Amino acid sequence: VKRLLALIVPFVIVSGIAVFILMTVMKQAGGIKPYRGGSFWSNFLISFYIFINYIKLCAATINYSAAYTIWLPSHPLSIWTFIVIAINLFILGTGVRYYKKSPLVTFLIFWFYLQLLPYANIIPISTILADRYAFLASFAYALLIGLFFTWLMYVEQKKFTKEFFKVLSIAIFILLAGGYSYMTIKQNRVWKNTRTLWMDAYEKYPHA
C-alpha cells in the first residue's frame, strides 16, 4: 500500500497544481461561467443531462454540428431529472456489477464518464456540448460495439443455424459503418470555410 501511495501521490500533487493554475487562468479569461440555474446544485443536476447527451452524440446523432444545445426542464427537480439520474446510475451500476465478470466492460464505462467529467459543466464552461470533447470518450463506445459484435458472432441458438448470427453481425456492422461514414463525409463537406461551418451550426441549433 505504501509503495502504491508513493507512486500515486506525486501525480495527485502535480495534477492538483495544474488544475489550480488552469482554473485560475480560465477564470481570468472568462472561460468559467456563472452557475446555470443560479446555484451549484442546480448546475450539478445539469451534468447528468450532459452525460446522456454525450452518449447520444456518440451513438445516435443524425446531424453533427459545430455547436449544440441540449433540452433542459424548466425546473431542475422535475421528473425528467430523476429519470436522467437513474439512467446514469444504472449505467455506472452496470460497470460495478460486471467488475469481476467482465473487467473490460467496467473499465470502458468508467473511462467514458471520467473522460467527460471535465466537460460535464459541473464547473460551468462556455461550451455545454461539443464533438471534440467526446473524442477520447468515444473509444469506450467503439470498443463496446466491438465486444458486442464479437459476442453476436458466436451466439448459438437451436432455432438458428451457426452462420445466422455471423451474417447478422456482419450486416449490422456494414450498416453502422456506412451510416457513420456518410455522416462524417457530410460534415466534412460542410466545413468548406468558417462561414459555411457556423451557418450550418446556426441552421441546426439556432439557440446555441
C-alpha atoms as a PDB file:
ATOM      1  CA  VAL A   1       0.000   0.000   0.000  1.00  0.00           C
ATOM      2  CA  LYS A   2       2.826   2.437   0.916  1.00  0.00           C
ATOM      3  CA  ARG A   3       4.573   1.705  -2.373  1.00  0.00           C
ATOM      4  CA  LEU A   4       1.327   2.306  -4.288  1.00  0.00           C
ATOM      5  CA  LEU A   5       0.760   5.609  -2.466  1.00  0.00           C
ATOM      6  CA  ALA A   6       4.349   6.631  -3.183  1.00  0.00           C
ATOM      7  CA  LEU A   7       3.642   6.135  -6.880  1.00  0.00           C
ATOM      8  CA  ILE A   8       0.229   7.865  -6.897  1.00  0.00           C
ATOM      9  CA  VAL A   9       0.740  10.835  -4.539  1.00  0.00           C
ATOM     10  CA  PRO A  10       3.283  12.715  -6.729  1.00  0.00           C
ATOM     11  CA  PHE A  11       0.856  12.535  -9.680  1.00  0.00           C
ATOM     12  CA  VAL A  12      -2.008  13.765  -7.484  1.00  0.00           C
ATOM     13  CA  ILE A  13       0.077  16.716  -6.262  1.00  0.00           C
ATOM     14  CA  VAL A  14       1.243  17.683  -9.774  1.00  0.00           C
ATOM     15  CA  SER A  15      -2.310  17.291 -11.127  1.00  0.00           C
ATOM     16  CA  GLY A  16      -3.675  19.410  -8.283  1.00  0.00           C
ATOM     17  CA  ILE A  17      -1.218  22.210  -9.042  1.00  0.00           C
ATOM     18  CA  ALA A  18      -2.028  22.011 -12.764  1.00  0.00           C
ATOM     19  CA  VAL A  19      -5.780  22.140 -12.080  1.00  0.00           C
ATOM     20  CA  PHE A  20      -5.338  25.150  -9.784  1.00  0.00           C
ATOM     21  CA  ILE A  21      -3.339  27.023 -12.433  1.00  0.00           C
ATOM     22  CA  LEU A  22      -5.809  26.080 -15.168  1.00  0.00           C
ATOM     23  CA  MET A  23      -8.829  27.154 -13.087  1.00  0.00           C
ATOM     24  CA  THR A  24      -7.168  30.470 -12.248  1.00  0.00           C
ATOM     25  CA  VAL A  25      -6.308  31.219 -15.881  1.00  0.00           C
ATOM     26  CA  MET A  26      -9.752  30.103 -17.114  1.00  0.00           C
ATOM     27  CA  LYS A  27     -11.496  32.293 -14.555  1.00  0.00           C
ATOM     28  CA  GLN A  28      -9.424  35.344 -15.501  1.00  0.00           C
ATOM     29  CA  ALA A  29     -10.032  34.703 -19.220  1.00  0.00           C
ATOM     30  CA  GLY A  30     -13.784  34.286 -18.781  1.00  0.00           C
ATOM     31  CA  GLY A  31     -13.776  30.594 -19.631  1.00  0.00           C
ATOM     32  CA  ILE A  32     -15.590  29.714 -16.399  1.00  0.00           C
ATOM     33  CA  LYS A  33     -19.189  30.904 -16.455  1.00  0.00           C
ATOM     34  CA  PRO A  34     -21.795  31.572 -13.734  1.00  0.00           C
ATOM     35  CA  TYR A  35     -23.726  28.559 -12.463  1.00  0.00           C
ATOM     36  CA  ARG A  36     -26.533  27.570 -14.817  1.00  0.00           C
ATOM     37  CA  GLY A  37     -29.693  27.645 -12.730  1.00  0.00           C
ATOM     38  CA  GLY A  38     -28.117  30.014 -10.223  1.00  0.00           C
ATOM     39  CA  SER A  39     -26.617  27.510  -7.777  1.00  0.00           C
ATOM     40  CA  PHE A  40     -24.043  24.721  -7.659  1.00  0.00           C
ATOM     41  CA  TRP A  41     -26.678  22.026  -7.091  1.00  0.00           C
ATOM     42  CA  SER A  42     -28.923  23.041  -9.983  1.00  0.00           C
ATOM     43  CA  ASN A  43     -25.821  23.208 -12.163  1.00  0.00           C
ATOM     44  CA  PHE A  44     -24.707  19.799 -10.861  1.00  0.00           C
ATOM     45  CA  LEU A  45     -28.034  18.269 -11.908  1.00  0.00           C
ATOM     46  CA  ILE A  46     -27.489  19.560 -15.445  1.00  0.00           C
ATOM     47  CA  SER A  47     -24.346  17.434 -15.703  1.00  0.00           C
ATOM     48  CA  PHE A  48     -26.493  14.270 -15.714  1.00  0.00           C
ATOM     49  CA  TYR A  49     -28.269  15.555 -18.840  1.00  0.00           C
ATOM     50  CA  ILE A  50     -24.916  16.318 -20.427  1.00  0.00           C
ATOM     51  CA  PHE A  51     -23.625  12.755 -19.904  1.00  0.00           C
ATOM     52  CA  ILE A  52     -26.772  11.364 -21.571  1.00  0.00           C
ATOM     53  CA  ASN A  53     -26.380  13.776 -24.466  1.00  0.00           C
ATOM     54  CA  TYR A  54     -22.770  12.655 -24.953  1.00  0.00           C
ATOM     55  CA  ILE A  55     -23.977   9.046 -25.152  1.00  0.00           C
ATOM     56  CA  LYS A  56     -26.455  10.174 -27.808  1.00  0.00           C
ATOM     57  CA  LEU A  57     -23.711  12.156 -29.552  1.00  0.00           C
ATOM     58  CA  CYS A  58     -21.501   9.063 -29.800  1.00  0.00           C
ATOM     59  CA  ALA A  59     -24.191   6.546 -30.688  1.00  0.00           C
ATOM     60  CA  ALA A  60     -27.192   8.150 -32.365  1.00  0.00           C
ATOM     61  CA  THR A  61     -26.512  11.654 -33.670  1.00  0.00           C
ATOM     62  CA  ILE A  62     -28.054  12.261 -37.084  1.00  0.00           C
ATOM     63  CA  ASN A  63     -26.746  15.788 -37.629  1.00  0.00           C
ATOM     64  CA  TYR A  64     -23.275  16.704 -36.436  1.00  0.00           C
ATOM     65  CA  SER A  65     -22.711  20.370 -35.700  1.00  0.00           C
ATOM     66  CA  ALA A  66     -20.008  22.797 -34.580  1.00  0.00           C
ATOM     67  CA  ALA A  67     -22.298  23.801 -31.696  1.00  0.00           C
ATOM     68  CA  TYR A  68     -25.167  22.154 -29.846  1.00  0.00           C
ATOM     69  CA  THR A  69     -27.924  22.947 -27.422  1.00  0.00           C
ATOM     70  CA  ILE A  70     -29.489  20.445 -25.038  1.00  0.00           C
ATOM     71  CA  TRP A  71     -33.024  20.261 -23.747  1.00  0.00           C
ATOM     72  CA  LEU A  72     -33.425  21.042 -20.047  1.00  0.00           C
ATOM     73  CA  PRO A  73     -36.638  21.120 -17.983  1.00  0.00           C
ATOM     74  CA  SER A  74     -37.935  24.447 -16.677  1.00  0.00           C
ATOM     75  CA  HIS A  75     -37.419  23.269 -13.086  1.00  0.00           C
ATOM     76  CA  PRO A  76     -34.247  21.346 -12.073  1.00  0.00           C
ATOM     77  CA  LEU A  77     -36.170  18.947  -9.801  1.00  0.00           C
ATOM     78  CA  SER A  78     -38.571  17.718 -12.479  1.00  0.00           C
ATOM     79  CA  ILE A  79     -39.433  14.069 -13.068  1.00  0.00           C
ATOM     80  CA  TRP A  80     -37.102  14.116 -16.089  1.00  0.00           C
ATOM     81  CA  THR A  81     -34.151  14.957 -13.855  1.00  0.00           C
ATOM     82  CA  PHE A  82     -34.805  11.904 -11.680  1.00  0.00           C
ATOM     83  CA  ILE A  83     -35.156   9.721 -14.800  1.00  0.00           C
ATOM     84  CA  VAL A  84     -31.858  11.014 -16.230  1.00  0.00           C
ATOM     85  CA  ILE A  85     -30.077  10.498 -12.889  1.00  0.00           C
ATOM     86  CA  ALA A  86     -31.494   6.950 -12.702  1.00  0.00           C
ATOM     87  CA  ILE A  87     -30.208   6.141 -16.217  1.00  0.00           C
ATOM     88  CA  ASN A  88     -26.715   7.374 -15.335  1.00  0.00           C
ATOM     89  CA  LEU A  89     -26.689   5.433 -12.076  1.00  0.00           C
ATOM     90  CA  PHE A  90     -27.893   2.315 -13.894  1.00  0.00           C
ATOM     91  CA  ILE A  91     -25.012   2.573 -16.385  1.00  0.00           C
ATOM     92  CA  LEU A  92     -22.454   3.143 -13.620  1.00  0.00           C
ATOM     93  CA  GLY A  93     -24.043   0.354 -11.569  1.00  0.00           C
ATOM     94  CA  THR A  94     -23.657  -1.977 -14.538  1.00  0.00           C
ATOM     95  CA  GLY A  95     -19.970  -1.136 -14.547  1.00  0.00           C
ATOM     96  CA  VAL A  96     -19.678  -2.043 -10.860  1.00  0.00           C
ATOM     97  CA  ARG A  97     -21.729  -5.209 -11.336  1.00  0.00           C
ATOM     98  CA  TYR A  98     -19.512  -6.537 -14.138  1.00  0.00           C
ATOM     99  CA  TYR A  99     -16.251  -5.734 -12.330  1.00  0.00           C
ATOM    100  CA  LYS A 100     -15.351  -9.404 -11.756  1.00  0.00           C
ATOM    101  CA  LYS A 101     -17.237 -10.974 -14.670  1.00  0.00           C
ATOM    102  CA  SER A 102     -16.020  -8.561 -17.335  1.00  0.00           C
ATOM    103  CA  PRO A 103     -13.477  -6.006 -16.030  1.00  0.00           C
ATOM    104  CA  LEU A 104     -13.014  -4.604 -19.555  1.00  0.00           C
ATOM    105  CA  VAL A 105     -16.679  -3.544 -19.671  1.00  0.00           C
ATOM    106  CA  THR A 106     -16.275  -1.917 -16.260  1.00  0.00           C
ATOM    107  CA  PHE A 107     -13.147  -0.100 -17.419  1.00  0.00           C
ATOM    108  CA  LEU A 108     -14.847   1.194 -20.574  1.00  0.00           C
ATOM    109  CA  ILE A 109     -17.912   2.513 -18.745  1.00  0.00           C
ATOM    110  CA  PHE A 110     -15.832   4.393 -16.200  1.00  0.00           C
ATOM    111  CA  TRP A 111     -13.403   5.524 -18.919  1.00  0.00           C
ATOM    112  CA  PHE A 112     -16.336   7.139 -20.733  1.00  0.00           C
ATOM    113  CA  TYR A 113     -17.532   9.026 -17.650  1.00  0.00           C
ATOM    114  CA  LEU A 114     -14.085  10.040 -16.420  1.00  0.00           C
ATOM    115  CA  GLN A 115     -13.031  11.366 -19.840  1.00  0.00           C
ATOM    116  CA  LEU A 116     -16.160  13.535 -19.976  1.00  0.00           C
ATOM    117  CA  LEU A 117     -16.074  14.643 -16.339  1.00  0.00           C
ATOM    118  CA  PRO A 118     -14.070  17.855 -17.040  1.00  0.00           C
ATOM    119  CA  TYR A 119     -16.619  18.819 -19.721  1.00  0.00           C
ATOM    120  CA  ALA A 120     -19.785  17.879 -17.833  1.00  0.00           C
ATOM    121  CA  ASN A 121     -20.186  21.501 -16.727  1.00  0.00           C
ATOM    122  CA  ILE A 122     -20.118  20.686 -13.011  1.00  0.00           C
ATOM    123  CA  ILE A 123     -17.888  23.738 -13.126  1.00  0.00           C
ATOM    124  CA  PRO A 124     -19.682  25.625 -15.928  1.00  0.00           C
ATOM    125  CA  ILE A 125     -17.650  26.331 -19.051  1.00  0.00           C
ATOM    126  CA  SER A 126     -18.585  28.266 -22.176  1.00  0.00           C
ATOM    127  CA  THR A 127     -19.444  25.150 -24.224  1.00  0.00           C
ATOM    128  CA  ILE A 128     -22.161  22.840 -22.954  1.00  0.00           C
ATOM    129  CA  LEU A 129     -21.697  20.117 -25.604  1.00  0.00           C
ATOM    130  CA  ALA A 130     -19.067  19.643 -28.326  1.00  0.00           C
ATOM    131  CA  ASP A 131     -17.842  16.874 -30.636  1.00  0.00           C
ATOM    132  CA  ARG A 132     -14.191  17.444 -29.705  1.00  0.00           C
ATOM    133  CA  TYR A 133     -14.864  16.722 -26.030  1.00  0.00           C
ATOM    134  CA  ALA A 134     -16.220  13.282 -26.931  1.00  0.00           C
ATOM    135  CA  PHE A 135     -13.205  12.080 -28.934  1.00  0.00           C
ATOM    136  CA  LEU A 136     -11.369  10.192 -26.160  1.00  0.00           C
ATOM    137  CA  ALA A 137     -14.601   9.048 -24.506  1.00  0.00           C
ATOM    138  CA  SER A 138     -15.859   7.645 -27.825  1.00  0.00           C
ATOM    139  CA  PHE A 139     -13.147   4.969 -27.763  1.00  0.00           C
ATOM    140  CA  ALA A 140     -15.169   3.306 -24.999  1.00  0.00           C
ATOM    141  CA  TYR A 141     -18.289   3.297 -27.169  1.00  0.00           C
ATOM    142  CA  ALA A 142     -16.399   1.939 -30.192  1.00  0.00           C
ATOM    143  CA  LEU A 143     -14.796  -0.876 -28.206  1.00  0.00           C
ATOM    144  CA  LEU A 144     -18.103  -1.791 -26.545  1.00  0.00           C
ATOM    145  CA  ILE A 145     -19.637  -2.074 -30.015  1.00  0.00           C
ATOM    146  CA  GLY A 146     -16.704  -4.284 -30.997  1.00  0.00           C
ATOM    147  CA  LEU A 147     -17.305  -6.527 -27.979  1.00  0.00           C
ATOM    148  CA  PHE A 148     -20.989  -6.730 -28.913  1.00  0.00           C
ATOM    149  CA  PHE A 149     -20.140  -7.888 -32.450  1.00  0.00           C
ATOM    150  CA  THR A 150     -17.664 -10.438 -31.095  1.00  0.00           C
ATOM    151  CA  TRP A 151     -20.371 -11.828 -28.804  1.00  0.00           C
ATOM    152  CA  LEU A 152     -23.008 -11.807 -31.554  1.00  0.00           C
ATOM    153  CA  MET A 153     -20.814 -13.743 -33.999  1.00  0.00           C
ATOM    154  CA  TYR A 154     -20.542 -16.662 -31.587  1.00  0.00           C
ATOM    155  CA  VAL A 155     -24.116 -16.794 -30.277  1.00  0.00           C
ATOM    156  CA  GLU A 156     -25.631 -20.242 -30.580  1.00  0.00           C
ATOM    157  CA  GLN A 157     -29.379 -20.809 -30.652  1.00  0.00           C
ATOM    158  CA  LYS A 158     -31.088 -24.057 -31.567  1.00  0.00           C
ATOM    159  CA  LYS A 159     -33.686 -22.235 -33.676  1.00  0.00           C
ATOM    160  CA  PHE A 160     -30.983 -20.737 -35.918  1.00  0.00           C
ATOM    161  CA  THR A 161     -28.047 -22.080 -37.882  1.00  0.00           C
ATOM    162  CA  LYS A 162     -24.477 -21.392 -36.753  1.00  0.00           C
ATOM    163  CA  GLU A 163     -23.937 -18.985 -39.660  1.00  0.00           C
ATOM    164  CA  PHE A 164     -27.046 -16.870 -38.965  1.00  0.00           C
ATOM    165  CA  PHE A 165     -25.560 -14.699 -36.219  1.00  0.00           C
ATOM    166  CA  LYS A 166     -22.274 -14.282 -38.098  1.00  0.00           C
ATOM    167  CA  VAL A 167     -24.147 -12.970 -41.121  1.00  0.00           C
ATOM    168  CA  LEU A 168     -26.329 -10.803 -38.849  1.00  0.00           C
ATOM    169  CA  SER A 169     -23.304  -9.271 -37.101  1.00  0.00           C
ATOM    170  CA  ILE A 170     -21.614  -8.513 -40.433  1.00  0.00           C
ATOM    171  CA  ALA A 171     -24.818  -6.943 -41.803  1.00  0.00           C
ATOM    172  CA  ILE A 172     -25.271  -4.706 -38.730  1.00  0.00           C
ATOM    173  CA  PHE A 173     -21.582  -3.737 -38.853  1.00  0.00           C
ATOM    174  CA  ILE A 174     -21.860  -2.717 -42.526  1.00  0.00           C
ATOM    175  CA  LEU A 175     -24.969  -0.630 -41.774  1.00  0.00           C
ATOM    176  CA  LEU A 176     -23.275   1.122 -38.848  1.00  0.00           C
ATOM    177  CA  ALA A 177     -20.020   1.711 -40.710  1.00  0.00           C
ATOM    178  CA  GLY A 178     -21.927   3.006 -43.729  1.00  0.00           C
ATOM    179  CA  GLY A 179     -24.089   5.340 -41.628  1.00  0.00           C
ATOM    180  CA  TYR A 180     -21.196   6.774 -39.627  1.00  0.00           C
ATOM    181  CA  SER A 181     -19.087   7.172 -42.778  1.00  0.00           C
ATOM    182  CA  TYR A 182     -21.879   9.039 -44.541  1.00  0.00           C
ATOM    183  CA  MET A 183     -22.361  11.429 -41.605  1.00  0.00           C
ATOM    184  CA  THR A 184     -18.602  12.036 -41.334  1.00  0.00           C
ATOM    185  CA  ILE A 185     -18.220  12.810 -45.043  1.00  0.00           C
ATOM    186  CA  LYS A 186     -21.325  15.012 -44.951  1.00  0.00           C
ATOM    187  CA  GLN A 187     -19.972  17.087 -42.041  1.00  0.00           C
ATOM    188  CA  ASN A 188     -16.530  17.384 -43.638  1.00  0.00           C
ATOM    189  CA  ARG A 189     -18.181  18.809 -46.760  1.00  0.00           C
ATOM    190  CA  VAL A 190     -19.938  21.386 -44.582  1.00  0.00           C
ATOM    191  CA  TRP A 191     -16.582  22.701 -43.344  1.00  0.00           C
ATOM    192  CA  LYS A 192     -15.561  24.448 -46.582  1.00  0.00           C
ATOM    193  CA  ASN A 193     -14.697  27.563 -44.601  1.00  0.00           C
ATOM    194  CA  THR A 194     -15.541  29.244 -41.308  1.00  0.00           C
ATOM    195  CA  ARG A 195     -18.709  30.836 -42.671  1.00  0.00           C
ATOM    196  CA  THR A 196     -20.226  27.599 -44.008  1.00  0.00           C
ATOM    197  CA  LEU A 197     -19.368  25.762 -40.773  1.00  0.00           C
ATOM    198  CA  TRP A 198     -21.096  28.263 -38.496  1.00  0.00           C
ATOM    199  CA  MET A 199     -24.030  28.867 -40.839  1.00  0.00           C
ATOM    200  CA  ASP A 200     -24.661  25.112 -40.727  1.00  0.00           C
ATOM    201  CA  ALA A 201     -24.484  25.163 -36.911  1.00  0.00           C
ATOM    202  CA  TYR A 202     -26.857  28.123 -36.776  1.00  0.00           C
ATOM    203  CA  GLU A 203     -29.393  26.379 -39.003  1.00  0.00           C
ATOM    204  CA  LYS A 204     -29.333  23.207 -36.890  1.00  0.00           C
ATOM    205  CA  TYR A 205     -29.080  24.799 -33.412  1.00  0.00           C
ATOM    206  CA  PRO A 206     -30.039  28.488 -33.646  1.00  0.00           C
ATOM    207  CA  HIS A 207     -30.102  28.915 -29.852  1.00  0.00           C
ATOM    208  CA  ALA A 208     -26.582  27.555 -29.277  1.00  0.00           C
END
